[in-house]
């Protein structure tokens, strides 16, 4: 089950209902969204789709994508996610 919402409260409500390990989408480097979603993914057994969006928008180059991926994956690993639980969406 993929929980896809920009509303963290809706995601939390969905997490209460699922019986299998969910995938949380919409985790990005946008400051507000990251601040809202890191505690959720830290406290729940879930996989995460990491969007490489930031407050500056969509990445504009391969190097930009790589830097953002490294930064976001690092934050998710610090939050306790395993590498195999992190799926990167390389926006173009």
Protein backbone atom coordinates (compact mmCIF):
# COMPACT_ATOMS: atom_id res chain seq x y z
CA UNK A 1 0.00 0.00 0.00
CA UNK A 2 1.36 3.41 -0.97
CA UNK A 3 0.25 6.35 1.14
CA UNK A 4 0.46 9.45 -1.05
CA UNK A 5 -0.53 12.68 0.65
CA UNK A 6 1.02 16.05 1.28
CA UNK A 7 -0.98 16.08 4.51
CA UNK A 8 0.96 14.35 7.32
CA UNK A 9 -2.22 13.85 9.37
CA UNK A 10 -3.80 11.94 6.49
CA UNK A 11 -0.66 9.82 6.20
CA UNK A 12 -0.77 9.04 9.92
CA UNK A 13 -4.45 8.06 9.62
CA UNK A 14 -3.55 5.74 6.75
CA UNK A 15 -0.71 4.18 8.75
CA UNK A 16 -3.20 3.25 11.47
CA UNK A 17 -5.32 1.32 8.94
CA UNK A 18 -2.80 -0.62 6.87
CA UNK A 19 -1.98 -4.19 7.79
CA UNK A 20 1.12 -4.62 5.61
CA UNK A 21 4.30 -2.56 5.43
CA UNK A 22 3.34 0.63 3.54
CA UNK A 23 5.30 2.92 1.27
CA UNK A 24 5.11 6.60 2.17
CA UNK A 25 5.44 8.91 -0.80
CA UNK A 26 5.89 12.66 -0.90
CA UNK A 27 9.00 12.81 1.29
CA UNK A 28 11.19 15.52 -0.20
CA UNK A 29 13.84 18.09 0.66
CA UNK A 30 11.25 20.83 0.88
CA UNK A 31 11.94 22.10 4.40
CA UNK A 32 8.38 22.08 5.72
CA UNK A 33 7.57 18.67 4.26
CA UNK A 34 10.83 17.15 5.48
CA UNK A 35 10.25 18.50 9.00
CA UNK A 36 6.75 16.99 8.99
CA UNK A 37 7.58 13.60 7.48
CA UNK A 38 10.93 12.63 9.03
CA UNK A 39 9.37 11.92 12.45
CA UNK A 40 6.63 9.86 10.79
CA UNK A 41 9.01 7.68 8.79
CA UNK A 42 11.28 7.34 11.83
CA UNK A 43 8.45 6.08 14.04
CA UNK A 44 6.89 3.63 11.55
CA UNK A 45 7.98 0.47 9.77
CA UNK A 46 7.64 1.68 6.20
CA UNK A 47 9.43 2.21 2.95
CA UNK A 48 9.80 5.71 1.53
CA UNK A 49 9.70 7.22 -1.94
CA UNK A 50 12.23 10.04 -1.80
CA UNK A 51 11.33 12.91 -4.12
CA UNK A 52 14.29 15.07 -5.06
CA UNK A 53 12.24 18.28 -4.94
CA UNK A 54 13.52 21.03 -2.69
CA UNK A 55 12.45 24.56 -1.88
CA UNK A 56 14.33 25.51 -5.08
CA UNK A 57 12.07 23.24 -7.16
CA UNK A 58 12.92 20.32 -9.45
CA UNK A 59 16.62 19.45 -9.86
CA UNK A 60 18.04 20.97 -13.03
CA UNK A 61 21.08 18.80 -13.72
CA UNK A 62 22.51 15.36 -13.10
CA UNK A 63 24.84 16.79 -10.46
CA UNK A 64 21.93 18.53 -8.75
CA UNK A 65 19.96 15.24 -8.69
CA UNK A 66 22.96 13.38 -7.27
CA UNK A 67 23.55 15.96 -4.52
CA UNK A 68 19.91 16.03 -3.53
CA UNK A 69 19.67 12.23 -3.54
CA UNK A 70 22.71 11.95 -1.28
CA UNK A 71 21.34 14.59 1.10
CA UNK A 72 17.83 13.14 1.33
CA UNK A 73 18.98 9.53 1.57
CA UNK A 74 21.38 10.57 4.34
CA UNK A 75 18.55 12.17 6.30
CA UNK A 76 16.36 9.09 5.85
CA UNK A 77 19.18 6.78 6.93
CA UNK A 78 19.73 9.00 10.00
CA UNK A 79 16.01 8.57 10.72
CA UNK A 80 16.50 4.80 10.83
CA UNK A 81 15.46 3.75 7.36
CA UNK A 82 17.40 0.90 5.77
CA UNK A 83 18.85 1.50 2.28
CA UNK A 84 16.46 -1.06 0.79
CA UNK A 85 13.51 0.91 2.24
CA UNK A 86 14.41 4.06 0.29
CA UNK A 87 13.19 4.39 -3.29
CA UNK A 88 14.44 7.47 -5.14
CA UNK A 89 12.28 9.30 -7.67
CA UNK A 90 14.68 11.15 -9.97
CA UNK A 91 12.43 13.98 -11.17
CA UNK A 92 13.19 15.33 -14.63
